[in-house]
Amino acid sequence: MRYDLQKPITVPRRFDLVLCMEVAEHLPSESAGTLVQSLVDLGPIVVFSAALPYQLGGASHINEAWPEWWAKLFSTKGYKVIDCIRSQIWLDWDVPYWYSQNLLMFVSSDVISRNGYLKAAMNETNESKLSLVHPRAWLNWSFVIVRHRKVLEMANTWLVLICRSIAFTVSAFRRRNIGDARRVS
């Protein structure tokens, strides 16, 4: 089913669990509030991940934001952030790093108050430390930086050679013109 997620999702029922994984960064930031409202309208527990700023590998990422930004949006709807999944999958190489890095739960205060596990997990969540960059993401960036540094070094070498060639050509042209001027006088 295709749907424009910039518009509110209206479904005649609610679900126990809602998944929205690596989608939000493809929507304009102006649509984020609508998306969050649609997700919380669909269910009391939302498992959510969205690309961090400068996350590699994403085509058409137009709204990469830190998790704290998303947490604020969900909190305006009465949903609390619970970071209980990432620690379970952080070192699992079978899980793509963007899930290990970005996956959070947003749960309605009502559900948390009735569930001891969620209450404990919420109390263990450090909302000021939601922005984590996975080592594999860092390695990807490091590779890009190293590759671009090598390209820049090659470009610098070519630029030096071109400048030397231009200087030699100008010098030769001047010598020729000076020689021509002496012959004329």
N, C-alpha and C. Protein backbone atom coordinates (compact mmCIF):
# COMPACT_ATOMS: atom_id res chain seq x y z
N MET A 1 0.84 -1.17 0.00
CA MET A 1 0.00 0.00 0.00
C MET A 1 0.89 1.24 0.00
N ARG A 2 0.64 2.14 -0.89
CA ARG A 2 1.38 3.40 -0.96
C ARG A 2 0.60 4.46 -0.21
N TYR A 3 1.37 5.33 0.47
CA TYR A 3 0.71 6.39 1.21
C TYR A 3 1.66 7.56 1.37
N ASP A 4 1.13 8.76 1.28
CA ASP A 4 1.92 9.97 1.48
C ASP A 4 2.02 10.22 2.98
N LEU A 5 3.17 9.94 3.57
CA LEU A 5 3.34 10.05 5.02
C LEU A 5 3.45 11.49 5.50
N GLN A 6 3.39 12.43 4.58
CA GLN A 6 3.33 13.83 4.98
C GLN A 6 1.92 14.22 5.42
N LYS A 7 0.98 13.33 5.13
CA LYS A 7 -0.42 13.54 5.52
C LYS A 7 -0.74 12.62 6.69
N PRO A 8 -1.70 13.00 7.54
CA PRO A 8 -2.06 12.14 8.68
C PRO A 8 -2.54 10.76 8.21
N ILE A 9 -2.13 9.75 8.96
CA ILE A 9 -2.58 8.38 8.69
C ILE A 9 -3.83 8.14 9.54
N THR A 10 -4.88 7.76 8.89
CA THR A 10 -6.10 7.46 9.64
C THR A 10 -6.49 6.00 9.37
N VAL A 11 -6.49 5.23 10.43
CA VAL A 11 -6.85 3.82 10.37
C VAL A 11 -7.92 3.61 11.44
N PRO A 12 -8.93 2.84 11.16
CA PRO A 12 -10.04 2.70 12.11
C PRO A 12 -9.73 1.87 13.36
N ARG A 13 -8.48 1.54 13.60
CA ARG A 13 -8.14 0.77 14.79
C ARG A 13 -6.75 1.14 15.28
N ARG A 14 -6.41 0.68 16.49
CA ARG A 14 -5.07 0.88 17.05
C ARG A 14 -4.37 -0.47 17.13
N PHE A 15 -3.05 -0.42 17.19
CA PHE A 15 -2.23 -1.62 17.24
C PHE A 15 -1.46 -1.63 18.56
N ASP A 16 -1.03 -2.81 18.99
CA ASP A 16 -0.23 -2.91 20.21
C ASP A 16 1.16 -2.31 20.02
N LEU A 17 1.70 -2.47 18.82
CA LEU A 17 3.05 -2.03 18.52
C LEU A 17 3.09 -1.41 17.14
N VAL A 18 3.77 -0.28 17.02
CA VAL A 18 3.92 0.42 15.74
C VAL A 18 5.41 0.49 15.43
N LEU A 19 5.78 0.15 14.20
CA LEU A 19 7.18 0.23 13.77
C LEU A 19 7.33 1.33 12.73
N CYS A 20 8.32 2.17 12.92
CA CYS A 20 8.67 3.18 11.93
C CYS A 20 10.19 3.26 11.92
N MET A 21 10.80 2.58 10.96
CA MET A 21 12.24 2.41 10.97
C MET A 21 12.88 2.95 9.71
N GLU A 22 13.72 3.97 9.92
CA GLU A 22 14.51 4.59 8.86
C GLU A 22 13.63 5.13 7.73
N VAL A 23 12.57 5.80 8.12
CA VAL A 23 11.64 6.42 7.17
C VAL A 23 11.61 7.93 7.35
N ALA A 24 11.60 8.36 8.60
CA ALA A 24 11.35 9.78 8.93
C ALA A 24 12.33 10.73 8.27
N GLU A 25 13.57 10.30 8.07
CA GLU A 25 14.57 11.19 7.48
C GLU A 25 14.30 11.48 6.00
N HIS A 26 13.38 10.75 5.41
CA HIS A 26 13.04 10.96 4.01
C HIS A 26 11.88 11.95 3.83
N LEU A 27 11.34 12.43 4.95
CA LEU A 27 10.23 13.38 4.92
C LEU A 27 10.75 14.76 5.32
N PRO A 28 10.16 15.82 4.79
CA PRO A 28 10.59 17.16 5.21
C PRO A 28 10.36 17.36 6.70
N SER A 29 11.19 18.18 7.32
CA SER A 29 11.06 18.41 8.77
C SER A 29 9.69 18.98 9.12
N GLU A 30 9.08 19.71 8.19
CA GLU A 30 7.74 20.26 8.44
C GLU A 30 6.70 19.15 8.63
N SER A 31 6.99 17.95 8.13
CA SER A 31 6.05 16.83 8.23
C SER A 31 6.30 15.97 9.47
N ALA A 32 7.34 16.26 10.22
CA ALA A 32 7.70 15.42 11.36
C ALA A 32 6.58 15.36 12.40
N GLY A 33 5.99 16.49 12.69
CA GLY A 33 4.89 16.51 13.67
C GLY A 33 3.72 15.67 13.23
N THR A 34 3.39 15.74 11.95
CA THR A 34 2.29 14.94 11.40
C THR A 34 2.61 13.46 11.49
N LEU A 35 3.86 13.09 11.15
CA LEU A 35 4.26 11.69 11.23
C LEU A 35 4.17 11.19 12.67
N VAL A 36 4.70 11.93 13.61
CA VAL A 36 4.67 11.51 15.01
C VAL A 36 3.23 11.38 15.50
N GLN A 37 2.39 12.33 15.14
CA GLN A 37 0.98 12.24 15.54
C GLN A 37 0.33 10.99 14.96
N SER A 38 0.62 10.70 13.71
CA SER A 38 0.06 9.49 13.09
C SER A 38 0.53 8.25 13.81
N LEU A 39 1.82 8.19 14.18
CA LEU A 39 2.37 7.01 14.85
C LEU A 39 1.72 6.80 16.22
N VAL A 40 1.58 7.87 16.99
CA VAL A 40 1.00 7.71 18.33
C VAL A 40 -0.50 7.43 18.24
N ASP A 41 -1.14 7.89 17.17
CA ASP A 41 -2.55 7.56 16.96
C ASP A 41 -2.73 6.07 16.65
N LEU A 42 -1.69 5.46 16.08
CA LEU A 42 -1.77 4.05 15.69
C LEU A 42 -1.53 3.10 16.85
N GLY A 43 -0.82 3.52 17.89
CA GLY A 43 -0.58 2.60 19.00
C GLY A 43 0.18 3.22 20.14
N PRO A 44 0.16 2.56 21.30
CA PRO A 44 0.79 3.10 22.51
C PRO A 44 2.30 2.87 22.61
N ILE A 45 2.84 1.97 21.76
CA ILE A 45 4.28 1.70 21.76
C ILE A 45 4.78 1.85 20.33
N VAL A 46 5.75 2.75 20.16
CA VAL A 46 6.31 3.00 18.83
C VAL A 46 7.79 2.67 18.87
N VAL A 47 8.21 1.71 18.05
CA VAL A 47 9.63 1.43 17.85
C VAL A 47 10.04 2.26 16.65
N PHE A 48 11.02 3.13 16.87
CA PHE A 48 11.31 4.19 15.91
C PHE A 48 12.81 4.32 15.70
N SER A 49 13.20 4.51 14.46
CA SER A 49 14.59 4.88 14.17
C SER A 49 14.59 5.81 12.97
N ALA A 50 15.48 6.78 13.04
CA ALA A 50 15.64 7.74 11.94
C ALA A 50 17.12 8.13 11.87
N ALA A 51 17.59 8.40 10.69
CA ALA A 51 19.00 8.69 10.47
C ALA A 51 19.47 9.90 11.26
N LEU A 52 20.69 9.76 11.77
CA LEU A 52 21.36 10.88 12.44
C LEU A 52 21.90 11.85 11.39
N PRO A 53 22.22 13.07 11.79
CA PRO A 53 22.86 13.99 10.85
C PRO A 53 24.14 13.39 10.26
N TYR A 54 24.30 13.53 8.97
CA TYR A 54 25.46 13.07 8.20
C TYR A 54 25.61 11.55 8.16
N GLN A 55 24.53 10.82 8.42
CA GLN A 55 24.61 9.37 8.34
C GLN A 55 24.82 8.97 6.89
N LEU A 56 25.82 8.16 6.64
CA LEU A 56 26.13 7.73 5.28
C LEU A 56 25.16 6.67 4.79
N GLY A 57 25.04 6.58 3.48
CA GLY A 57 24.31 5.48 2.88
C GLY A 57 22.87 5.79 2.56
N GLY A 58 22.42 6.94 2.94
CA GLY A 58 21.01 7.23 2.73
C GLY A 58 20.77 8.06 1.48
N ALA A 59 19.92 7.54 0.63
CA ALA A 59 19.51 8.32 -0.54
C ALA A 59 18.33 9.18 -0.12
N SER A 60 18.36 10.39 -0.53
CA SER A 60 17.28 11.36 -0.30
C SER A 60 16.97 11.60 1.18
N HIS A 61 18.01 11.63 2.00
CA HIS A 61 17.82 12.03 3.39
C HIS A 61 17.67 13.55 3.41
N ILE A 62 16.50 14.01 3.81
CA ILE A 62 16.27 15.45 3.84
C ILE A 62 15.97 15.96 5.24
N ASN A 63 15.86 15.05 6.21
CA ASN A 63 15.57 15.47 7.58
C ASN A 63 16.31 14.56 8.56
N GLU A 64 17.63 14.63 8.54
CA GLU A 64 18.42 13.88 9.50
C GLU A 64 18.45 14.70 10.79
N ALA A 65 18.08 14.07 11.90
CA ALA A 65 18.01 14.79 13.17
C ALA A 65 18.50 13.90 14.30
N TRP A 66 18.98 14.53 15.36
CA TRP A 66 19.43 13.79 16.53
C TRP A 66 18.23 13.21 17.27
N PRO A 67 18.42 12.09 17.96
CA PRO A 67 17.31 11.45 18.66
C PRO A 67 16.61 12.35 19.68
N GLU A 68 17.34 13.27 20.28
CA GLU A 68 16.73 14.18 21.25
C GLU A 68 15.64 15.02 20.59
N TRP A 69 15.83 15.37 19.34
CA TRP A 69 14.83 16.15 18.59
C TRP A 69 13.54 15.34 18.45
N TRP A 70 13.70 14.07 18.09
CA TRP A 70 12.52 13.19 17.96
C TRP A 70 11.88 12.96 19.33
N ALA A 71 12.69 12.80 20.36
CA ALA A 71 12.16 12.58 21.70
C ALA A 71 11.29 13.76 22.14
N LYS A 72 11.71 14.98 21.80
CA LYS A 72 10.89 16.15 22.14
C LYS A 72 9.55 16.11 21.42
N LEU A 73 9.57 15.72 20.15
CA LEU A 73 8.31 15.64 19.40
C LEU A 73 7.37 14.60 20.02
N PHE A 74 7.90 13.44 20.35
CA PHE A 74 7.07 12.41 20.96
C PHE A 74 6.59 12.83 22.35
N SER A 75 7.44 13.54 23.09
CA SER A 75 7.05 13.93 24.46
C SER A 75 5.88 14.90 24.44
N THR A 76 5.73 15.69 23.39
CA THR A 76 4.57 16.60 23.31
C THR A 76 3.27 15.82 23.16
N LYS A 77 3.38 14.55 22.82
CA LYS A 77 2.19 13.68 22.68
C LYS A 77 2.02 12.78 23.90
N GLY A 78 2.84 12.99 24.94
CA GLY A 78 2.73 12.17 26.15
C GLY A 78 3.48 10.85 26.06
N TYR A 79 4.44 10.76 25.15
CA TYR A 79 5.22 9.53 24.97
C TYR A 79 6.63 9.75 25.50
N LYS A 80 7.11 8.77 26.24
CA LYS A 80 8.45 8.82 26.83
C LYS A 80 9.40 7.97 26.01
N VAL A 81 10.65 8.39 25.95
CA VAL A 81 11.66 7.61 25.23
C VAL A 81 12.20 6.53 26.16
N ILE A 82 12.36 5.34 25.60
CA ILE A 82 12.96 4.22 26.33
C ILE A 82 14.05 3.64 25.42
N ASP A 83 15.26 3.64 25.95
CA ASP A 83 16.41 3.15 25.19
C ASP A 83 16.83 1.79 25.74
N CYS A 84 16.05 0.76 25.42
CA CYS A 84 16.33 -0.58 25.95
C CYS A 84 16.70 -1.58 24.85
N ILE A 85 16.68 -1.15 23.61
CA ILE A 85 16.95 -2.08 22.51
C ILE A 85 18.40 -1.98 22.04
N ARG A 86 18.90 -0.76 21.94
CA ARG A 86 20.23 -0.57 21.35
C ARG A 86 21.31 -1.35 22.07
N SER A 87 21.28 -1.38 23.38
CA SER A 87 22.32 -2.10 24.13
C SER A 87 22.28 -3.61 23.82
N GLN A 88 21.12 -4.10 23.43
CA GLN A 88 20.98 -5.53 23.13
C GLN A 88 21.52 -5.89 21.74
N ILE A 89 21.57 -4.91 20.84
CA ILE A 89 21.97 -5.20 19.46
C ILE A 89 23.23 -4.45 19.04
N TRP A 90 23.80 -3.64 19.92
CA TRP A 90 24.92 -2.75 19.59
C TRP A 90 26.09 -3.50 18.95
N LEU A 91 26.45 -4.64 19.49
CA LEU A 91 27.61 -5.39 18.99
C LEU A 91 27.24 -6.54 18.05
N ASP A 92 26.01 -6.61 17.66
CA ASP A 92 25.55 -7.69 16.77
C ASP A 92 25.81 -7.30 15.32
N TRP A 93 26.80 -7.94 14.71
CA TRP A 93 27.18 -7.59 13.34
C TRP A 93 26.14 -8.03 12.31
N ASP A 94 25.16 -8.82 12.71
CA ASP A 94 24.08 -9.20 11.81
C ASP A 94 23.03 -8.09 11.71
N VAL A 95 23.08 -7.13 12.61
CA VAL A 95 22.14 -6.01 12.60
C VAL A 95 22.83 -4.82 11.94
N PRO A 96 22.24 -4.25 10.90
CA PRO A 96 22.85 -3.06 10.29
C PRO A 96 23.08 -1.97 11.33
N TYR A 97 24.23 -1.30 11.24
CA TYR A 97 24.61 -0.36 12.30
C TYR A 97 23.59 0.75 12.51
N TRP A 98 22.87 1.15 11.46
CA TRP A 98 21.93 2.26 11.64
C TRP A 98 20.78 1.88 12.57
N TYR A 99 20.42 0.60 12.63
CA TYR A 99 19.42 0.18 13.62
C TYR A 99 20.05 0.16 15.02
N SER A 100 21.25 -0.40 15.12
CA SER A 100 21.93 -0.44 16.41
C SER A 100 22.13 0.97 16.97
N GLN A 101 22.30 1.91 16.11
CA GLN A 101 22.58 3.28 16.49
C GLN A 101 21.32 4.10 16.76
N ASN A 102 20.26 3.87 16.01
CA ASN A 102 19.11 4.78 15.99
C ASN A 102 17.84 4.27 16.64
N LEU A 103 17.76 2.98 16.95
CA LEU A 103 16.50 2.37 17.36
C LEU A 103 16.12 2.70 18.81
N LEU A 104 14.98 3.34 18.97
CA LEU A 104 14.46 3.72 20.28
C LEU A 104 12.99 3.34 20.36
N MET A 105 12.49 3.26 21.59
CA MET A 105 11.05 3.04 21.79
C MET A 105 10.46 4.31 22.38
N PHE A 106 9.28 4.65 21.91
CA PHE A 106 8.52 5.75 22.48
C PHE A 106 7.20 5.14 22.97
N VAL A 107 6.94 5.31 24.26
CA VAL A 107 5.83 4.60 24.89
C VAL A 107 4.96 5.61 25.62
N SER A 108 3.65 5.41 25.51
CA SER A 108 2.72 6.32 26.20
C SER A 108 2.90 6.19 27.71
N SER A 109 2.77 7.32 28.38
CA SER A 109 2.92 7.34 29.84
C SER A 109 1.93 6.38 30.49
N ASP A 110 0.77 6.25 29.90
CA ASP A 110 -0.28 5.35 30.41
C ASP A 110 0.21 3.90 30.45
N VAL A 111 0.83 3.45 29.37
CA VAL A 111 1.33 2.06 29.30
C VAL A 111 2.50 1.87 30.27
N ILE A 112 3.38 2.85 30.34
CA ILE A 112 4.53 2.75 31.24
C ILE A 112 4.07 2.58 32.68
N SER A 113 3.05 3.34 33.06
CA SER A 113 2.57 3.28 34.45
C SER A 113 2.03 1.89 34.82
N ARG A 114 1.62 1.10 33.83
CA ARG A 114 1.06 -0.24 34.09
C ARG A 114 2.06 -1.37 33.85
N ASN A 115 3.30 -1.05 33.44
CA ASN A 115 4.24 -2.10 33.08
C ASN A 115 5.56 -1.86 33.82
N GLY A 116 5.86 -2.74 34.75
CA GLY A 116 7.07 -2.60 35.57
C GLY A 116 8.35 -2.61 34.76
N TYR A 117 8.42 -3.49 33.74
CA TYR A 117 9.62 -3.57 32.91
C TYR A 117 9.85 -2.25 32.18
N LEU A 118 8.81 -1.73 31.57
CA LEU A 118 8.95 -0.47 30.83
C LEU A 118 9.28 0.69 31.77
N LYS A 119 8.69 0.68 32.94
CA LYS A 119 8.97 1.73 33.93
C LYS A 119 10.45 1.70 34.31
N ALA A 120 10.97 0.50 34.59
CA ALA A 120 12.39 0.35 34.95
C ALA A 120 13.29 0.76 33.78
N ALA A 121 12.93 0.33 32.57
CA ALA A 121 13.73 0.68 31.39
C ALA A 121 13.72 2.19 31.15
N MET A 122 12.56 2.83 31.38
CA MET A 122 12.49 4.28 31.22
C MET A 122 13.39 4.97 32.25
N ASN A 123 13.38 4.47 33.48
CA ASN A 123 14.22 5.06 34.53
C ASN A 123 15.71 4.89 34.24
N GLU A 124 16.07 3.84 33.50
CA GLU A 124 17.47 3.62 33.14
C GLU A 124 17.88 4.39 31.89
N THR A 125 16.92 4.93 31.17
CA THR A 125 17.22 5.69 29.94
C THR A 125 17.76 7.06 30.31
N ASN A 126 18.91 7.38 29.76
CA ASN A 126 19.51 8.70 29.97
C ASN A 126 19.16 9.57 28.76
N GLU A 127 18.18 10.42 28.94
CA GLU A 127 17.69 11.22 27.82
C GLU A 127 18.72 12.22 27.29
N SER A 128 19.74 12.51 28.09
CA SER A 128 20.77 13.43 27.61
C SER A 128 21.87 12.70 26.84
N LYS A 129 21.76 11.37 26.74
CA LYS A 129 22.76 10.60 26.01
C LYS A 129 22.11 9.69 24.98
N LEU A 130 21.18 10.21 24.23
CA LEU A 130 20.53 9.43 23.18
C LEU A 130 21.33 9.45 21.89
N SER A 131 22.09 10.50 21.67
CA SER A 131 22.86 10.66 20.43
C SER A 131 24.14 9.85 20.53
N LEU A 132 24.09 8.66 19.98
CA LEU A 132 25.25 7.77 19.95
C LEU A 132 25.61 7.48 18.50
N VAL A 133 26.90 7.52 18.20
CA VAL A 133 27.35 7.18 16.86
C VAL A 133 28.02 5.82 16.94
N HIS A 134 27.53 4.89 16.17
CA HIS A 134 28.04 3.52 16.19
C HIS A 134 29.45 3.48 15.61
N PRO A 135 30.32 2.62 16.18
CA PRO A 135 31.68 2.51 15.63
C PRO A 135 31.72 2.20 14.14
N ARG A 136 30.79 1.38 13.65
CA ARG A 136 30.79 1.08 12.22
C ARG A 136 30.44 2.32 11.40
N ALA A 137 29.60 3.19 11.92
CA ALA A 137 29.30 4.45 11.23
C ALA A 137 30.55 5.31 11.18
N TRP A 138 31.26 5.36 12.30
CA TRP A 138 32.50 6.14 12.35
C TRP A 138 33.53 5.57 11.37
N LEU A 139 33.64 4.25 11.29
CA LEU A 139 34.57 3.64 10.34
C LEU A 139 34.20 4.00 8.91
N ASN A 140 32.91 4.02 8.61
CA ASN A 140 32.48 4.42 7.27
C ASN A 140 32.92 5.85 6.96
N TRP A 141 32.71 6.76 7.92
CA TRP A 141 33.13 8.15 7.71
C TRP A 141 34.63 8.25 7.60
N SER A 142 35.35 7.49 8.43
CA SER A 142 36.81 7.52 8.37
C SER A 142 37.29 7.09 6.99
N PHE A 143 36.67 6.05 6.45
CA PHE A 143 37.04 5.59 5.12
C PHE A 143 36.81 6.69 4.09
N VAL A 144 35.69 7.37 4.18
CA VAL A 144 35.38 8.45 3.24
C VAL A 144 36.40 9.58 3.38
N ILE A 145 36.72 9.93 4.62
CA ILE A 145 37.68 11.01 4.85
C ILE A 145 39.05 10.64 4.29
N VAL A 146 39.49 9.42 4.57
CA VAL A 146 40.79 8.97 4.06
C VAL A 146 40.79 8.96 2.54
N ARG A 147 39.72 8.43 1.95
CA ARG A 147 39.63 8.38 0.50
C ARG A 147 39.67 9.78 -0.09
N HIS A 148 38.92 10.72 0.50
CA HIS A 148 38.91 12.09 -0.02
C HIS A 148 40.25 12.78 0.23
N ARG A 149 40.90 12.45 1.35
CA ARG A 149 42.21 13.04 1.60
C ARG A 149 43.19 12.60 0.52
N LYS A 150 43.12 11.32 0.15
CA LYS A 150 44.01 10.85 -0.92
C LYS A 150 43.70 11.53 -2.24
N VAL A 151 42.42 11.73 -2.52
CA VAL A 151 42.03 12.44 -3.74
C VAL A 151 42.55 13.87 -3.70
N LEU A 152 42.42 14.51 -2.53
CA LEU A 152 42.91 15.89 -2.39
C LEU A 152 44.43 15.95 -2.54
N GLU A 153 45.12 14.95 -1.98
CA GLU A 153 46.57 14.91 -2.14
C GLU A 153 46.95 14.76 -3.62
N MET A 154 46.23 13.89 -4.34
CA MET A 154 46.49 13.73 -5.77
C MET A 154 46.18 15.03 -6.51
N ALA A 155 45.08 15.67 -6.15
CA ALA A 155 44.72 16.94 -6.80
C ALA A 155 45.77 17.99 -6.52
N ASN A 156 46.30 18.01 -5.30
CA ASN A 156 47.34 18.96 -4.95
C ASN A 156 48.59 18.72 -5.80
N THR A 157 48.95 17.44 -5.96
CA THR A 157 50.11 17.10 -6.80
C THR A 157 49.89 17.56 -8.23
N TRP A 158 48.70 17.30 -8.75
CA TRP A 158 48.39 17.74 -10.12
C TRP A 158 48.40 19.26 -10.22
N LEU A 159 47.87 19.93 -9.21
CA LEU A 159 47.85 21.39 -9.21
C LEU A 159 49.27 21.95 -9.22
N VAL A 160 50.17 21.37 -8.45
CA VAL A 160 51.57 21.81 -8.43
C VAL A 160 52.18 21.60 -9.81
N LEU A 161 51.93 20.44 -10.42
CA LEU A 161 52.49 20.17 -11.75
C LEU A 161 51.93 21.13 -12.79
N ILE A 162 50.65 21.43 -12.71
CA ILE A 162 50.02 22.36 -13.66
C ILE A 162 50.60 23.75 -13.47
N CYS A 163 50.74 24.19 -12.22
CA CYS A 163 51.30 25.52 -11.96
C CYS A 163 52.73 25.61 -12.47
N ARG A 164 53.52 24.56 -12.26
CA ARG A 164 54.90 24.56 -12.77
C ARG A 164 54.90 24.62 -14.29
N SER A 165 53.99 23.89 -14.90
CA SER A 165 53.91 23.89 -16.36
C SER A 165 53.53 25.27 -16.88
N ILE A 166 52.58 25.91 -16.22
CA ILE A 166 52.17 27.26 -16.62
C ILE A 166 53.33 28.23 -16.44
N ALA A 167 54.01 28.13 -15.28
CA ALA A 167 55.15 29.03 -15.02
C ALA A 167 56.23 28.82 -16.08
N PHE A 168 56.52 27.57 -16.44
CA PHE A 168 57.53 27.29 -17.46
C PHE A 168 57.10 27.88 -18.80
N THR A 169 55.82 27.70 -19.16
CA THR A 169 55.31 28.20 -20.43
C THR A 169 55.37 29.73 -20.48
N VAL A 170 54.97 30.38 -19.40
CA VAL A 170 55.01 31.85 -19.34
C VAL A 170 56.46 32.33 -19.45
N SER A 171 57.35 31.65 -18.73
CA SER A 171 58.77 32.03 -18.76
C SER A 171 59.33 31.88 -20.17
N ALA A 172 59.01 30.76 -20.82
CA ALA A 172 59.48 30.54 -22.18
C ALA A 172 58.89 31.58 -23.13
N PHE A 173 57.62 31.91 -22.94
CA PHE A 173 56.97 32.90 -23.79
C PHE A 173 57.63 34.26 -23.61
N ARG A 174 57.93 34.61 -22.36
CA ARG A 174 58.60 35.89 -22.10
C ARG A 174 59.98 35.92 -22.75
N ARG A 175 60.75 34.84 -22.60
CA ARG A 175 62.09 34.80 -23.20
C ARG A 175 61.99 34.96 -24.71
N ARG A 176 61.00 34.30 -25.32
CA ARG A 176 60.84 34.41 -26.76
C ARG A 176 60.46 35.83 -27.15
N ASN A 177 59.52 36.44 -26.41
CA ASN A 177 59.09 37.80 -26.72
C ASN A 177 60.21 38.82 -26.49
N ILE A 178 61.02 38.61 -25.45
CA ILE A 178 62.15 39.51 -25.20
C ILE A 178 63.16 39.39 -26.33
N GLY A 179 63.40 38.17 -26.76
CA GLY A 179 64.31 37.94 -27.89
C GLY A 179 63.77 38.59 -29.15
N ASP A 180 62.45 38.50 -29.41
CA ASP A 180 61.84 39.13 -30.58
C ASP A 180 61.97 40.64 -30.47
N ALA A 181 61.79 41.20 -29.26
CA ALA A 181 61.84 42.64 -29.07
C ALA A 181 63.25 43.14 -29.32
N ARG A 182 64.27 42.38 -28.97
CA ARG A 182 65.66 42.80 -29.19
C ARG A 182 65.99 42.81 -30.67
N ARG A 183 65.44 41.84 -31.38
CA ARG A 183 65.70 41.79 -32.81
C ARG A 183 65.07 42.97 -33.53
N VAL A 184 63.93 43.43 -33.04
CA VAL A 184 63.23 44.55 -33.67
C VAL A 184 63.98 45.84 -33.42
N SER A 185 64.55 46.01 -32.24
CA SER A 185 65.21 47.26 -31.92
C SER A 185 66.61 47.23 -32.41
